[in-house]
Amino acid sequence: MDEESTKAAIEDTAVGIYIIKDQAASEEPEDTGIVLEGVKVLQDLGNVAFAVAMLFSLMYTMHPSYPTELHCFSELFYCVFQTVCCVSHCMFDLC
């Protein structure tokens, strides 16, 4: 992806984590960051795990009452990343 198409993709993103890698370079990404409403709000985060944690922090900071349309979002991450999707309190059928 060239720089112009990368910029266009970021501008079209409402909420996301981006990773920019040089295809010829090593496995380490050039940049990892967060996009909110088409704007890079955080960059050079280092890794995806930290970017996910920061995204949760930003979402809570922006909406401390936690918007109702995202009420299942944290439960989904809990089920997927903690591998407890078969526990009875999980509402997602991921097993």
Protein backbone atom coordinates (compact mmCIF):
# COMPACT_ATOMS: atom_id res chain seq x y z
CA MET A 1 0.00 0.00 0.00
CA ASP A 2 1.37 3.38 -0.89
CA GLU A 3 1.26 6.41 1.38
CA GLU A 4 -1.75 7.97 -0.36
CA SER A 5 -3.92 4.86 -0.09
CA THR A 6 -2.87 4.39 3.54
CA LYS A 7 -3.95 7.95 4.33
CA ALA A 8 -7.29 7.39 2.56
CA ALA A 9 -7.89 4.15 4.49
CA ILE A 10 -7.19 5.89 7.80
CA GLU A 11 -9.57 8.74 6.92
CA ASP A 12 -12.33 6.20 6.19
CA THR A 13 -11.90 4.42 9.54
CA ALA A 14 -14.23 5.27 12.44
CA VAL A 15 -12.42 3.24 15.14
CA GLY A 16 -9.39 1.07 14.57
CA ILE A 17 -5.88 -0.04 15.29
CA TYR A 18 -3.39 0.27 12.46
CA ILE A 19 -0.05 -1.43 11.90
CA ILE A 20 2.39 -0.15 9.30
CA LYS A 21 5.14 -2.55 8.26
CA ASP A 22 7.88 -2.26 5.68
CA GLN A 23 7.52 -5.42 3.61
CA ALA A 24 11.25 -5.69 2.97
CA ALA A 25 12.22 -5.13 6.61
CA SER A 26 12.08 -7.37 9.64
CA GLU A 27 8.98 -8.58 11.47
CA GLU A 28 8.85 -5.45 13.65
CA PRO A 29 6.24 -2.87 12.56
CA GLU A 30 7.27 0.67 11.68
CA ASP A 31 4.28 2.08 13.52
CA THR A 32 1.30 0.84 15.55
CA GLY A 33 -1.42 3.26 16.50
CA ILE A 34 -5.08 4.10 16.99
CA VAL A 35 -7.49 5.87 14.64
CA LEU A 36 -10.67 7.55 15.86
CA GLU A 37 -13.04 9.17 13.39
CA GLY A 38 -10.41 9.24 10.64
CA VAL A 39 -7.69 10.82 12.76
CA LYS A 40 -4.55 9.20 14.17
CA VAL A 41 -4.93 9.89 17.88
CA LEU A 42 -2.06 7.72 19.12
CA GLN A 43 0.96 6.40 17.28
CA ASP A 44 4.25 4.59 17.98
CA LEU A 45 2.54 2.34 20.54
CA GLY A 46 4.96 -0.51 19.94
CA ASN A 47 2.65 -3.52 19.82
CA VAL A 48 -0.96 -4.52 19.23
CA ALA A 49 -1.64 -5.63 22.81
CA PHE A 50 -0.78 -2.19 24.14
CA ALA A 51 -2.81 -0.58 21.34
CA VAL A 52 -5.89 -2.64 22.33
CA ALA A 53 -5.47 -1.61 25.97
CA MET A 54 -5.14 2.04 24.98
CA LEU A 55 -8.19 1.78 22.70
CA PHE A 56 -10.28 0.51 25.61
CA SER A 57 -8.97 3.38 27.75
CA LEU A 58 -9.81 5.95 25.08
CA MET A 59 -13.29 4.53 24.57
CA TYR A 60 -14.00 4.68 28.30
CA THR A 61 -12.52 8.18 28.59
CA MET A 62 -14.65 9.45 25.73
CA HIS A 63 -17.83 7.69 27.00
CA PRO A 64 -17.59 7.13 30.77
CA SER A 65 -21.19 5.90 30.88
CA TYR A 66 -20.22 3.22 28.29
CA PRO A 67 -22.49 3.53 25.28
CA THR A 68 -25.26 0.93 25.07
CA GLU A 69 -24.37 0.01 21.50
CA LEU A 70 -21.00 -1.29 22.78
CA HIS A 71 -22.27 -3.21 25.81
CA CYS A 72 -21.12 -6.57 24.40
CA PHE A 73 -17.73 -5.33 23.21
CA SER A 74 -15.78 -5.89 26.42
CA GLU A 75 -17.49 -9.25 27.01
CA LEU A 76 -16.41 -10.40 23.55
CA PHE A 77 -12.79 -9.45 24.21
CA TYR A 78 -12.95 -11.14 27.60
CA CYS A 79 -14.24 -14.34 26.03
CA VAL A 80 -11.75 -14.36 23.18
CA PHE A 81 -8.57 -13.27 24.92
CA GLN A 82 -9.06 -15.02 28.24
CA THR A 83 -10.17 -18.25 26.52
CA VAL A 84 -13.13 -18.61 28.84
CA CYS A 85 -15.74 -18.51 26.12
CA CYS A 86 -17.35 -21.70 27.44
CA VAL A 87 -18.04 -20.23 30.87
CA SER A 88 -21.78 -19.92 31.41
CA HIS A 89 -21.75 -16.12 31.82
CA CYS A 90 -20.41 -15.57 28.29
CA MET A 91 -23.20 -14.67 25.88
CA PHE A 92 -21.19 -15.54 22.74
CA ASP A 93 -21.11 -19.03 21.26
CA LEU A 94 -17.42 -19.10 20.32
CA CYS A 95 -16.54 -22.63 21.38
